[in-house]
Protein backbone atom coordinates (compact mmCIF):
# COMPACT_ATOMS: atom_id res chain seq x y z
CA MET A 1 0.00 0.24 0.26
CA ILE A 2 2.92 2.44 0.76
CA GLN A 3 6.41 2.47 -0.71
CA ILE A 4 9.14 5.01 0.69
CA GLN A 5 12.55 5.22 -0.89
CA ASP A 6 14.73 7.51 0.50
CA PHE A 7 12.77 10.11 1.27
CA HIS A 8 14.03 13.61 2.28
CA PHE A 9 12.56 16.67 3.48
CA LYS A 10 13.58 19.69 5.15
CA TYR A 11 11.37 22.61 6.32
CA ILE A 12 11.59 25.98 4.96
CA GLY A 13 14.00 27.74 7.42
CA ARG A 14 15.49 25.36 8.45
CA LYS A 15 18.77 23.79 8.63
CA ALA A 16 18.33 19.98 9.25
CA GLU A 17 16.15 17.53 8.04
CA ALA A 18 13.27 16.64 9.50
CA ILE A 19 12.88 13.16 7.45
CA ALA A 20 16.96 12.34 6.41
CA GLY A 21 16.68 8.97 4.28
CA VAL A 22 13.59 6.97 5.35
CA ASP A 23 13.34 3.47 3.54
CA LEU A 24 9.16 1.52 4.51
CA HIS A 25 6.71 -0.50 2.93
CA ILE A 26 3.48 -1.14 4.70
CA GLN A 27 1.01 -3.36 3.40
CA GLN A 28 -2.40 -3.23 2.66
CA GLY A 29 -4.57 -4.14 5.80
CA GLU A 30 -1.40 -3.86 8.89
CA THR A 31 -2.10 -1.74 12.31
CA VAL A 32 1.19 0.33 12.55
CA LEU A 33 1.68 2.73 15.29
CA LEU A 34 4.76 5.04 14.28
CA LEU A 35 7.17 6.58 17.75
CA GLY A 36 9.51 8.69 17.91
CA PRO A 37 10.84 11.98 20.14
CA SER A 38 9.71 15.19 19.68
CA GLY A 39 10.84 16.55 16.59
CA SER A 40 11.76 13.02 15.30
CA GLY A 41 9.40 13.74 11.64
CA LYS A 42 6.79 11.33 12.47
CA SER A 43 3.95 14.01 11.26
CA THR A 44 6.04 14.80 8.15
CA LEU A 45 5.90 11.75 7.59
CA ALA A 46 2.13 11.45 7.87
CA LEU A 47 2.15 14.98 5.68
CA ALA A 48 3.96 13.45 2.82
CA LEU A 49 1.11 10.67 2.62
CA ASN A 50 -2.03 12.50 1.31
CA GLY A 51 0.28 14.42 -0.96
CA LEU A 52 0.12 17.73 1.89
CA ILE A 53 3.80 17.23 1.50
CA PRO A 54 5.06 18.42 -1.19
CA HIS A 55 2.27 20.48 -2.78
CA ILE A 56 1.27 22.33 0.63
CA VAL A 57 3.59 22.98 3.27
CA GLY A 58 7.14 24.21 1.96
CA GLY A 59 10.20 22.71 2.34
CA ARG A 60 12.69 20.51 -0.19
CA MET A 61 11.59 16.68 -0.59
CA GLU A 62 14.20 14.24 -1.77
CA GLY A 63 13.40 10.32 -2.81
CA GLN A 64 9.96 8.57 -3.43
CA VAL A 65 7.10 8.48 -1.61
CA ASP A 66 3.92 5.77 -3.88
CA ILE A 67 0.88 5.21 -2.09
CA ASP A 68 -0.79 2.54 -4.02
CA GLY A 69 0.89 3.30 -6.80
CA LEU A 70 0.45 7.12 -6.89
CA ASP A 71 3.62 9.06 -6.63
CA ASN A 72 3.45 11.77 -4.05
CA ARG A 73 5.02 14.31 -6.16
CA THR A 74 3.03 13.96 -9.26
CA ALA A 75 -0.43 13.05 -7.69
CA THR A 76 -2.65 15.97 -6.72
CA VAL A 77 -3.82 16.29 -3.09
CA ALA A 78 -7.26 15.44 -3.83
CA GLU A 79 -6.36 12.11 -6.00
CA LEU A 80 -4.16 11.60 -2.93
CA SER A 81 -6.87 12.36 0.27
CA GLN A 82 -9.14 9.91 -1.23
CA LYS A 83 -6.19 6.89 -0.39
CA VAL A 84 -5.42 8.58 2.80
CA GLY A 85 -7.10 10.41 4.76
CA ILE A 86 -5.33 12.19 8.37
CA LEU A 87 -7.13 13.00 11.21
CA PHE A 88 -4.85 15.73 13.22
CA GLN A 89 -4.63 15.88 17.09
CA ASP A 90 -6.89 19.50 16.65
CA PRO A 91 -10.02 18.37 15.07
CA GLU A 92 -11.48 21.62 14.82
CA ALA A 93 -8.13 22.62 12.81
CA GLN A 94 -9.86 20.57 10.32
CA PHE A 95 -13.21 21.62 10.56
CA VAL A 96 -14.76 24.27 7.61
CA THR A 97 -18.71 24.43 8.66
CA MET A 98 -21.14 25.04 11.27
CA THR A 99 -23.19 21.50 11.06
CA VAL A 100 -22.41 18.06 11.08
CA GLU A 101 -24.02 17.41 7.96
CA ASP A 102 -22.25 19.89 6.50
CA GLU A 103 -18.41 19.09 7.23
CA ILE A 104 -18.68 15.60 5.92
CA ALA A 105 -21.07 16.96 2.63
CA PHE A 106 -17.87 19.45 2.02
CA GLY A 107 -15.55 16.94 1.36
CA LEU A 108 -17.79 15.12 -0.92
CA GLU A 109 -18.90 18.06 -2.78
CA ASN A 110 -15.14 19.16 -3.79
CA LEU A 111 -15.01 15.17 -5.01
CA GLN A 112 -18.40 15.56 -6.72
CA VAL A 113 -19.89 13.38 -5.39
CA PRO A 114 -23.57 12.54 -6.92
CA PRO A 115 -26.36 14.11 -4.20
CA GLU A 116 -28.05 11.02 -4.39
CA GLU A 117 -24.92 8.94 -3.18
CA MET A 118 -24.04 11.84 -0.61
CA ASP A 119 -26.68 11.05 1.49
CA SER A 120 -26.07 7.46 2.26
CA ARG A 121 -22.44 8.20 2.71
CA ILE A 122 -22.81 10.40 5.44
CA GLN A 123 -24.62 8.39 7.74
CA GLU A 124 -22.07 5.86 6.75
CA ALA A 125 -20.10 7.29 8.13
CA LEU A 126 -21.52 9.12 11.16
CA ASP A 127 -22.82 4.98 11.96
CA GLN A 128 -19.24 3.91 11.82
CA VAL A 129 -18.27 6.18 14.54
CA GLY A 130 -21.13 6.43 16.65
CA ILE A 131 -22.41 9.31 16.15
CA GLY A 132 -25.32 8.61 13.80
CA HIS A 133 -27.93 10.25 15.60
CA TYR A 134 -25.93 13.93 15.68
CA ARG A 135 -26.08 14.29 11.65
CA ARG A 136 -28.49 17.42 12.74
CA ARG A 137 -26.01 19.41 15.28
CA ARG A 138 -23.94 22.05 15.04
CA VAL A 139 -20.17 21.24 15.29
CA ASP A 140 -19.64 24.06 18.48
CA ALA A 141 -22.21 22.21 20.04
CA LEU A 142 -20.21 18.96 20.51
CA SER A 143 -17.31 17.79 23.80
CA GLY A 144 -13.66 16.92 22.73
CA GLY A 145 -13.92 13.38 22.08
CA GLU A 146 -17.60 14.16 19.73
CA LYS A 147 -15.65 16.54 17.82
CA GLN A 148 -12.60 13.93 16.71
CA ARG A 149 -15.23 11.32 15.70
CA LEU A 150 -16.98 13.77 13.05
CA ALA A 151 -13.68 14.82 11.95
CA LEU A 152 -12.90 11.08 11.70
CA ALA A 153 -16.73 10.74 9.96
CA ALA A 154 -15.75 13.20 7.29
CA VAL A 155 -12.57 11.44 6.66
CA LEU A 156 -14.22 7.75 5.96
CA ALA A 157 -17.03 8.97 3.79
CA MET A 158 -14.40 9.86 1.50
CA ARG A 159 -13.73 5.98 1.60
CA PRO A 160 -9.34 6.42 2.06
CA GLN A 161 -8.19 2.96 1.97
CA THR A 162 -5.53 4.20 4.37
CA LEU A 163 -5.95 6.17 7.62
CA VAL A 164 -3.52 8.20 9.42
CA PHE A 165 -4.35 9.42 12.92
CA ASP A 166 -1.80 12.29 14.36
CA GLU A 167 -2.25 11.91 18.15
CA PRO A 168 -6.14 12.22 17.43
CA THR A 169 -6.44 11.89 22.04
CA ALA A 170 -4.16 14.23 22.28
CA ASN A 171 -6.27 16.86 23.57
CA LEU A 172 -9.26 14.22 25.11
CA ASP A 173 -10.02 13.25 28.67
CA PRO A 174 -9.08 9.73 29.63
CA LEU A 175 -12.64 8.57 28.89
CA GLY A 176 -13.08 10.13 25.43
CA THR A 177 -9.14 8.59 24.76
CA ARG A 178 -10.75 5.31 25.55
CA GLN A 179 -13.76 5.94 23.04
CA VAL A 180 -11.47 6.73 20.14
CA PHE A 181 -9.45 3.42 20.59
CA GLU A 182 -12.53 1.82 20.40
CA THR A 183 -13.30 3.63 17.36
CA ILE A 184 -9.60 2.42 15.92
CA ALA A 185 -10.62 -0.87 16.98
CA LYS A 186 -13.69 -1.21 15.14
CA LEU A 187 -11.77 -0.03 11.61
CA LYS A 188 -9.58 -2.14 12.65
CA ALA A 189 -11.72 -5.09 12.60
CA ASN A 190 -13.71 -3.88 9.86
CA GLY A 191 -10.63 -5.34 8.02
CA LYS A 192 -10.72 -2.62 4.85
CA PHE A 193 -8.11 -0.23 6.22
CA THR A 194 -4.56 0.46 6.66
CA LEU A 195 -4.07 1.97 9.59
CA ILE A 196 -0.96 4.14 11.28
CA ILE A 197 -0.86 5.69 14.65
CA ILE A 198 1.00 8.49 16.25
CA GLU A 199 0.41 8.48 19.41
CA HIS A 200 2.16 8.17 22.84
CA LYS A 201 -0.99 6.54 25.15
CA LEU A 202 -0.48 3.31 24.66
CA ASP A 203 -1.94 0.58 26.86
CA ASP A 204 -4.79 0.95 25.50
CA LEU A 205 -4.18 0.59 22.16
CA MET A 206 -1.61 -1.93 22.21
CA HIS A 207 -3.66 -5.12 21.75
CA MET A 208 -4.54 -3.45 18.22
CA ILE A 209 -0.92 -3.03 16.91
CA ASP A 210 0.69 -5.36 14.27
CA ARG A 211 3.67 -3.68 13.36
CA VAL A 212 5.94 -0.68 15.74
CA ILE A 213 7.83 2.07 13.71
CA ALA A 214 10.04 4.29 15.58
CA LEU A 215 11.96 7.12 14.30
CA THR A 216 15.23 8.75 15.65
CA SER A 217 15.44 12.27 16.70
CA GLU A 218 17.82 12.89 13.58
CA GLY A 219 14.48 11.75 11.08
CA ASN A 220 15.38 7.73 10.61
CA ILE A 221 14.24 4.57 11.49
CA LEU A 222 15.48 2.80 14.77
CA VAL A 223 14.03 0.25 15.23
CA ASP A 224 10.77 -1.66 12.98
CA GLY A 225 9.48 -5.30 14.35
CA ILE A 226 6.27 -6.38 16.02
CA PRO A 227 5.30 -4.97 19.69
CA ALA A 228 6.90 -7.80 21.73
CA TYR A 229 10.34 -7.44 19.67
CA VAL A 230 10.37 -3.48 19.65
CA PHE A 231 9.89 -3.08 23.32
CA GLY A 232 11.23 -5.69 24.30
CA GLU A 233 14.39 -5.78 22.40
CA GLN A 234 14.69 -2.44 21.64
CA THR A 235 14.12 -1.37 25.11
CA GLU A 236 17.17 0.51 25.69
CA ASP A 237 17.31 2.65 22.16
CA LEU A 238 13.80 3.77 23.14
CA LEU A 239 14.76 4.92 26.17
CA ALA A 240 17.79 6.73 25.22
CA GLU A 241 15.72 8.35 21.82
CA GLY A 242 13.14 9.18 24.39
CA VAL A 243 10.42 7.28 22.94
CA TRP A 244 7.73 6.34 24.41
CA MET A 245 6.67 2.69 26.19
CA PRO A 246 3.83 0.72 27.31
CA GLN A 247 3.47 1.27 31.21
CA THR A 248 3.27 -3.11 30.85
CA ALA A 249 7.15 -3.01 28.70
CA LEU A 250 8.03 -0.35 31.42
CA LEU A 251 7.44 -2.28 34.26
CA ALA A 252 8.53 -5.50 32.60
CA HIS A 253 12.25 -3.52 31.60
CA GLN A 254 12.57 -2.65 35.18
CA LEU A 255 12.03 -5.84 36.75
CA ARG A 256 13.93 -7.65 34.23
CA ASN A 257 16.65 -5.40 34.82
CA ARG A 258 16.68 -6.55 38.98
CA GLY A 259 16.24 -10.26 37.66
CA LEU A 260 12.71 -11.05 36.92
CA GLU A 261 11.96 -11.67 33.47
CA LEU A 262 8.84 -12.07 32.70
CA SER A 263 6.93 -14.19 29.70
CA PRO A 264 5.70 -13.52 27.80
CA PHE A 265 6.86 -10.24 27.63
CA PRO A 266 4.14 -8.22 28.40
CA THR A 267 2.93 -5.16 25.87
CA THR A 268 -0.55 -5.23 26.92
CA LEU A 269 -2.21 -5.60 30.25
CA ALA A 270 -3.62 -8.59 29.69
CA GLN A 271 -0.47 -10.28 28.84
CA ALA A 272 0.94 -8.41 31.87
CA GLU A 273 -1.99 -10.17 33.46
CA GLN A 274 -1.03 -13.40 32.37
CA ALA A 275 2.97 -12.95 33.13
CA PHE A 276 2.36 -12.09 36.95
CA GLY A 277 -0.39 -14.49 37.31
CA ALA A 278 2.20 -17.26 36.46
CA LEU A 279 4.99 -16.19 39.13
CA GLY A 280 2.92 -17.61 41.65
CA LEU A 281 4.33 -15.02 44.28
CA ALA A 282 2.46 -14.44 47.60
CA ILE A 283 2.61 -10.44 48.11
CA THR A 284 3.14 -8.79 51.00
CA PRO A 285 0.01 -6.33 51.79
CA ASN A 286 0.63 -2.42 50.97
CA GLY A 287 3.84 -3.02 49.47
CA HIS A 288 4.86 0.42 48.11
CA LYS A 289 4.70 3.33 50.80
CA PRO A 290 1.84 5.72 50.95
CA LEU A 291 1.74 9.07 49.48
CA PRO A 292 1.52 11.74 52.09
CA LYS A 293 -1.72 12.91 54.32
CA PRO A 294 -3.87 16.25 52.39
CA ASP A 295 -2.97 18.25 55.59
CA ASN A 296 0.67 19.16 55.64
CA GLY A 297 0.18 21.84 58.22
CA HIS A 298 1.40 24.99 56.23
CA PRO A 299 -0.52 27.89 55.51
CA PRO A 300 -2.49 27.75 52.37
CA ALA A 301 -0.27 28.71 49.53
CA VAL A 302 -4.17 29.18 47.43
CA GLU A 303 -7.28 29.33 48.89
CA VAL A 304 -10.44 29.64 46.67
CA ARG A 305 -13.78 31.18 48.54
CA ASN A 306 -17.00 30.13 47.17
CA LEU A 307 -16.20 30.70 43.99
CA SER A 308 -18.66 31.43 40.95
CA PHE A 309 -18.39 32.23 37.04
CA GLN A 310 -20.33 32.13 34.28
CA TYR A 311 -20.19 32.75 30.04
CA GLY A 312 -22.95 33.87 29.49
CA GLU A 313 -25.67 32.25 30.30
CA ILE A 314 -23.58 29.09 30.69
CA PRO A 315 -22.19 28.56 34.19
CA VAL A 316 -18.64 27.03 34.30
CA LEU A 317 -17.74 27.03 37.78
CA LYS A 318 -19.92 26.74 40.60
CA ASN A 319 -19.18 27.67 44.43
CA ILE A 320 -15.69 26.24 43.82
CA ASN A 321 -13.85 26.11 47.87
CA LEU A 322 -10.44 24.53 47.78
CA GLN A 323 -7.51 25.33 49.70
CA VAL A 324 -3.67 24.33 48.47
CA PRO A 325 -1.06 24.66 51.40
CA LYS A 326 2.45 25.80 50.90
CA GLY A 327 4.36 23.15 49.66
CA ASP A 328 1.26 20.64 47.74
CA PHE A 329 1.81 19.11 44.34
CA LEU A 330 -1.82 19.01 43.16
CA ALA A 331 -3.18 17.83 40.20
CA ILE A 332 -6.53 19.48 38.90
CA ILE A 333 -8.31 16.52 36.99
CA GLY A 334 -11.69 16.33 35.41
CA ALA A 335 -13.48 16.02 31.97
CA ASN A 336 -13.08 17.97 29.15
CA GLY A 337 -15.18 21.18 29.97
CA ALA A 338 -14.84 20.71 33.53
CA GLY A 339 -13.78 23.34 34.57
CA LYS A 340 -10.13 23.16 35.13
CA THR A 341 -8.43 26.19 33.49
CA THR A 342 -11.46 28.17 34.35
CA LEU A 343 -10.68 28.06 37.62
CA ALA A 344 -7.02 27.88 37.05
CA GLN A 345 -7.06 31.60 35.44
CA HIS A 346 -9.03 33.05 37.99
CA LEU A 347 -5.59 32.39 39.95
CA ILE A 348 -3.56 35.07 38.24
CA GLU A 349 -6.31 37.43 37.46
CA THR A 350 -6.47 36.21 33.64
CA LEU A 351 -10.32 35.73 34.33
CA HIS A 352 -10.94 38.26 37.37
CA PRO A 353 -12.69 36.77 40.74
CA PRO A 354 -14.59 38.75 43.06
CA ALA A 355 -13.05 40.30 45.61
CA GLY A 356 -12.44 37.58 48.50
CA CYS A 357 -12.69 34.51 46.42
CA VAL A 358 -9.52 33.92 45.49
CA LEU A 359 -6.44 34.77 48.16
CA LEU A 360 -2.18 33.76 47.49
CA ASN A 361 -0.51 33.65 50.62
CA GLY A 362 -3.57 35.42 52.17
CA ILE A 363 -3.42 37.47 50.10
CA ASP A 364 -6.73 38.51 47.77
CA VAL A 365 -5.43 38.31 44.79
CA THR A 366 -7.57 41.60 43.31
CA GLN A 367 -5.72 43.90 45.39
CA ILE A 368 -2.20 42.22 44.01
CA GLU A 369 -0.46 44.54 41.13
CA SER A 370 0.25 42.65 37.61
CA ARG A 371 3.80 43.45 38.16
CA ASP A 372 3.52 42.03 41.57
CA LEU A 373 1.19 38.90 40.37
CA ILE A 374 3.30 37.68 37.98
CA ARG A 375 6.49 37.67 40.52
CA ARG A 376 4.20 35.35 42.95
CA VAL A 377 2.87 33.02 40.43
CA GLY A 378 4.13 31.28 37.47
CA TYR A 379 1.53 29.94 34.58
CA VAL A 380 1.80 27.53 31.65
CA PHE A 381 -0.91 27.65 29.60
CA GLN A 382 -2.49 24.81 27.70
CA ASN A 383 -1.58 26.92 24.33
CA PRO A 384 2.00 27.80 24.21
CA GLU A 385 1.66 30.00 22.17
CA HIS A 386 -1.02 32.18 23.73
CA GLN A 387 1.72 33.53 26.01
CA PHE A 388 5.08 34.62 23.20
CA ILE A 389 5.53 37.86 23.22
CA THR A 390 8.82 38.11 20.77
CA ASN A 391 10.36 36.86 17.53
CA PHE A 392 13.56 34.96 19.34
CA VAL A 393 13.22 31.49 21.81
CA ASP A 394 16.15 33.07 23.54
CA HIS A 395 14.26 36.52 23.57
CA GLU A 396 11.57 34.85 25.08
CA VAL A 397 13.26 33.72 27.89
CA ALA A 398 14.81 36.57 28.52
CA PHE A 399 11.47 39.15 28.74
CA GLY A 400 10.10 38.65 31.83
CA LEU A 401 14.12 38.57 33.61
CA ARG A 402 14.20 41.76 31.49
CA GLN A 403 11.01 43.46 33.22
CA MET A 404 12.46 42.58 36.64
CA GLY A 405 15.17 44.88 35.45
CA LEU A 406 18.06 41.99 36.67
CA PRO A 407 21.67 43.13 35.07
CA GLU A 408 21.90 41.80 31.56
CA ASP A 409 24.86 39.60 32.71
CA GLU A 410 22.84 37.74 34.82
CA ILE A 411 20.08 37.59 31.93
CA ASP A 412 22.41 35.89 29.86
CA GLU A 413 23.47 33.41 32.14
CA ARG A 414 19.85 32.31 33.13
CA MET A 415 18.48 31.96 29.90
CA THR A 416 21.77 30.27 28.51
CA ARG A 417 21.53 27.53 31.23
CA LEU A 418 17.19 27.57 30.84
CA LEU A 419 18.15 26.85 27.07
CA THR A 420 20.17 24.19 27.74
CA GLN A 421 18.59 22.53 30.38
CA PHE A 422 15.63 22.44 28.29
CA GLY A 423 17.09 21.23 24.67
CA LEU A 424 16.22 24.34 22.99
CA GLU A 425 20.04 25.73 22.40
CA LYS A 426 20.14 25.01 18.96
CA LEU A 427 16.75 26.89 18.31
CA ALA A 428 18.00 29.81 20.07
CA LYS A 429 17.03 32.22 17.14
CA ALA A 430 14.23 30.63 16.29
CA ASN A 431 11.09 32.06 15.85
CA PRO A 432 8.64 30.02 18.42
CA PHE A 433 5.70 29.94 15.99
CA THR A 434 8.12 27.81 14.13
CA LEU A 435 8.97 25.44 16.55
CA SER A 436 7.15 21.91 16.66
CA HIS A 437 4.67 21.40 19.78
CA GLY A 438 6.78 20.08 21.98
CA GLU A 439 9.27 22.62 21.70
CA LYS A 440 7.06 25.85 22.30
CA ARG A 441 5.40 23.49 25.44
CA ARG A 442 9.68 22.92 26.70
CA LEU A 443 9.94 26.79 25.79
CA SER A 444 6.64 27.88 28.11
CA VAL A 445 7.96 26.02 30.77
CA ALA A 446 10.93 27.86 30.58
CA THR A 447 10.01 31.50 30.44
CA MET A 448 7.64 30.41 33.41
CA LEU A 449 10.74 29.17 35.59
CA ALA A 450 13.35 32.12 35.14
CA VAL A 451 11.47 34.38 37.14
CA GLY A 452 11.67 31.94 39.77
CA GLN A 453 8.06 32.14 41.19
CA GLU A 454 6.55 30.30 44.55
CA THR A 455 3.84 29.13 43.05
CA LEU A 456 3.88 27.13 39.38
CA ILE A 457 0.49 26.46 37.48
CA LEU A 458 1.03 23.91 34.38
CA ASP A 459 -1.79 23.60 31.95
CA GLU A 460 -1.09 20.04 30.86
CA PRO A 461 2.59 20.43 31.07
CA THR A 462 3.81 16.81 29.08
CA PHE A 463 1.43 17.89 26.44
CA GLY A 464 2.92 17.30 22.91
CA GLN A 465 6.55 15.83 25.30
CA ASP A 466 8.37 12.77 24.23
CA GLN A 467 8.96 10.33 27.23
CA ARG A 468 12.55 11.41 27.85
CA ASN A 469 11.56 15.34 28.04
CA ALA A 470 8.17 14.66 30.02
CA THR A 471 10.41 12.71 32.23
CA ALA A 472 13.10 15.30 32.83
CA LEU A 473 10.58 18.10 32.82
CA MET A 474 8.49 16.15 35.85
CA GLU A 475 11.78 15.60 37.70
CA LEU A 476 12.55 18.96 37.68
CA LEU A 477 9.14 20.21 39.00
CA GLN A 478 9.68 17.19 41.85
CA GLU A 479 13.36 19.09 42.18
CA LEU A 480 11.43 22.49 43.17
CA HIS A 481 8.43 20.69 45.05
CA ALA A 482 11.28 19.93 47.12
CA ALA A 483 12.47 22.67 47.59
CA GLY A 484 9.57 23.94 48.74
CA ARG A 485 7.85 24.96 45.73
CA THR A 486 3.69 25.04 45.51
CA VAL A 487 3.23 22.66 42.13
CA ILE A 488 -0.52 22.78 40.07
CA ILE A 489 -0.94 20.65 37.11
CA ILE A 490 -3.73 20.53 35.49
CA THR A 491 -3.81 17.28 33.18
CA HIS A 492 -5.49 14.33 31.86
CA ASP A 493 -2.50 11.52 32.12
CA MET A 494 -3.62 9.41 35.12
CA THR A 495 0.01 7.63 35.30
CA LEU A 496 1.35 10.99 35.58
CA VAL A 497 -1.00 12.04 38.48
CA ALA A 498 -0.39 8.30 39.86
CA GLU A 499 3.19 9.11 39.80
CA TYR A 500 3.81 12.59 41.24
CA ALA A 501 0.75 14.47 42.55
CA HIS A 502 0.48 14.11 46.10
CA HIS A 503 -2.89 15.08 46.10
CA CYS A 504 -5.81 16.06 43.58
CA ALA A 505 -9.08 18.22 42.85
CA VAL A 506 -11.34 16.22 40.95
CA MET A 507 -14.08 18.67 38.95
CA SER A 508 -17.31 17.71 36.55
CA ALA A 509 -19.28 20.22 35.65
CA GLY A 510 -18.13 23.14 37.36
CA GLU A 511 -18.22 21.58 40.71
CA LEU A 512 -15.50 20.11 42.85
CA LEU A 513 -16.33 16.63 43.64
CA PHE A 514 -13.10 15.92 45.52
CA HIS A 515 -10.02 17.18 47.24
CA GLY A 516 -7.52 14.57 48.76
CA SER A 517 -4.84 11.80 48.71
CA THR A 518 -4.04 10.74 44.93
CA GLU A 519 -4.06 7.45 46.25
CA ASP A 520 -7.70 7.33 47.63
CA VAL A 521 -8.75 8.93 44.45
CA PHE A 522 -8.06 5.31 42.31
CA THR A 523 -10.47 3.38 45.00
CA GLN A 524 -13.37 5.45 44.17
CA PRO A 525 -14.98 3.45 40.69
CA ASP A 526 -17.80 6.09 41.29
CA LEU A 527 -15.85 9.17 41.62
CA LEU A 528 -13.68 8.29 38.31
CA SER A 529 -17.02 7.29 36.46
CA ARG A 530 -18.71 10.92 37.42
CA ALA A 531 -15.50 12.36 36.49
CA ARG A 532 -15.01 10.27 33.14
CA LEU A 533 -11.38 9.53 34.56
CA THR A 534 -9.80 6.54 34.09
CA LEU A 535 -7.67 4.27 36.06
CA PRO A 536 -4.09 4.67 35.06
CA PRO A 537 -2.90 1.76 33.19
CA LEU A 538 -0.85 -0.40 36.39
CA ALA A 539 -3.52 0.61 38.38
CA GLU A 540 -6.03 -1.35 36.55
CA LEU A 541 -3.36 -4.11 36.59
CA SER A 542 -3.15 -4.10 39.90
CA GLY A 543 -7.09 -4.10 39.76
CA ARG A 544 -7.05 -6.93 37.57
CA LEU A 545 -4.35 -9.07 39.70
CA ALA A 546 -6.49 -8.31 43.10
CA ALA A 547 -9.27 -10.12 41.88
CA ARG A 548 -7.33 -13.52 41.86
CA GLN A 549 -4.46 -12.81 44.93
CA PRO A 550 -5.87 -9.43 47.13
CA GLU A 551 -2.87 -8.19 48.23
CA TRP A 552 -2.08 -7.00 44.66
CA ALA A 553 -4.50 -4.55 45.43
CA GLY A 554 -3.41 -0.77 45.76
CA MET A 555 -0.81 -0.32 43.29
CA GLN A 556 -0.28 2.58 40.69
CA THR A 557 3.12 3.24 39.40
CA VAL A 558 5.91 0.90 38.15
CA ASP A 559 7.46 1.93 41.63
CA HIS A 560 4.86 0.75 43.45
CA PHE A 561 4.72 -2.83 41.73
CA ALA A 562 9.21 -2.75 41.99
CA THR A 563 8.96 -1.92 45.71
CA ALA A 564 6.11 -4.51 46.72
CA LEU A 565 7.98 -7.27 44.67
CA ALA A 566 11.08 -6.16 46.39
CA ARG A 567 10.10 -8.06 49.33
CA GLU A 568 9.54 -11.36 48.15
CA MET A 569 12.46 -11.27 46.32
CA LEU A 570 14.76 -9.85 48.16
CA TRP A 571 16.21 -6.78 46.20
CA GLU A 572 17.06 -3.57 47.50
CA GLU A 573 13.74 -1.69 47.95
CA VAL A 574 12.73 0.99 45.68
CA THR A 575 13.13 4.64 47.13
């Protein structure tokens, strides 16, 4: 179906190639997982498959890209789009009309599909993704997950043979993510499609993957093979490149390094359940160390009192009361539209709370001058480009420092250190808006940390990051937290919550449902269901194992499992 030979591509204005000599053949009907670190060329490869490269996206292409016999250099985008459909991470970037029906009809009209055929193709596409009853709805009335399914339906209506999913769940809450994966699984079961998936939420996806292809940071192929080989035999290379791996595979790798081989090497939850069941170990209850209790005895760094807010007639926050102790590490979690970001923006007065509703270190936020507020609270927006204000990466990092009136030599020293720390030193003179999404995220975090605020708020801090950069960022936040900073993250990543957050604030439809320890959140299935959340993969594995042996209950991370097994295997306990 796809034949790629010695494919190179370099974007206008960049010195390095995004793709540097890829050779790749993909068979009809395969389901392929495409992985790679940030900036490795995954999306570039996807754009070449339907002709956006080289026809629309500017740059220099070399080599051959053939799709079902069509050369992407000579075939038109219209021709290639009927062979390859792409679903991007932001569905709204693909929408051009106001209603569900019109959105799907748009592509068909451009292909001059006869009107008598169009009606049935619209309904067929909607039914394929499970939103057949939404045909007359407005696009802006759909949830994030529903928008992704609409974007997929618009692609399916054009009846491509190959579907490319480029981070399709990036903006979705855990339940919306699971629904998109279920839709992809149905497409695979259909047997008519070649599927190429770029994703880093892997554990709920692995059961349908036939083949894994991982790229290097230089845009070459690192490894290509079946999941058990790629994740079981090439682990060190993947980790060195910063490639995301399933949690089950990371756990198996950790145990292998300590002398315990799981068989078969697990890349899915079902395989991990089978492998652990075969061990026959009697696990000591509560082998992992519990997180601290919610009240650390410190005065609140942030206090929210009876805060309500609405956009027009739509209530978004409903009488929120929340205290975040100084030095806490809090995760605000919940579904798309729960009010998480709206709450956070009241803390920095991007949205203006009524007097007395939001206090920072005991001071009413409405009484703090803007310049002083910036020194007290650092904020990283969900969309990094919303806070860029200069034309160069290094100027972006230096901007806040100059506003503080620091000497130029100190500004240069801090700026250089942060650019190096976040792997941006080679991009110092690039325009921030030309960076990849992962690079934009790292720049926005570096810009925030430059000022050195005591309270840090990050909206989806690891969004768009590869494994290496995500881990480095979270370890940096952990160090800042250990040094006394108050850290608040807003995230959909339940694994991230389990590994780093001490406490959680769970929100749903503008209400605060729960505020307490992270471990307690994952023991309340009714709470998770109401908030459209799911268990982290290893917490789900823990529950499956506990159904056979109750002592396995309560484990949520790789370290929890390794610590519990250390007691049985006489390993040195994980700290």
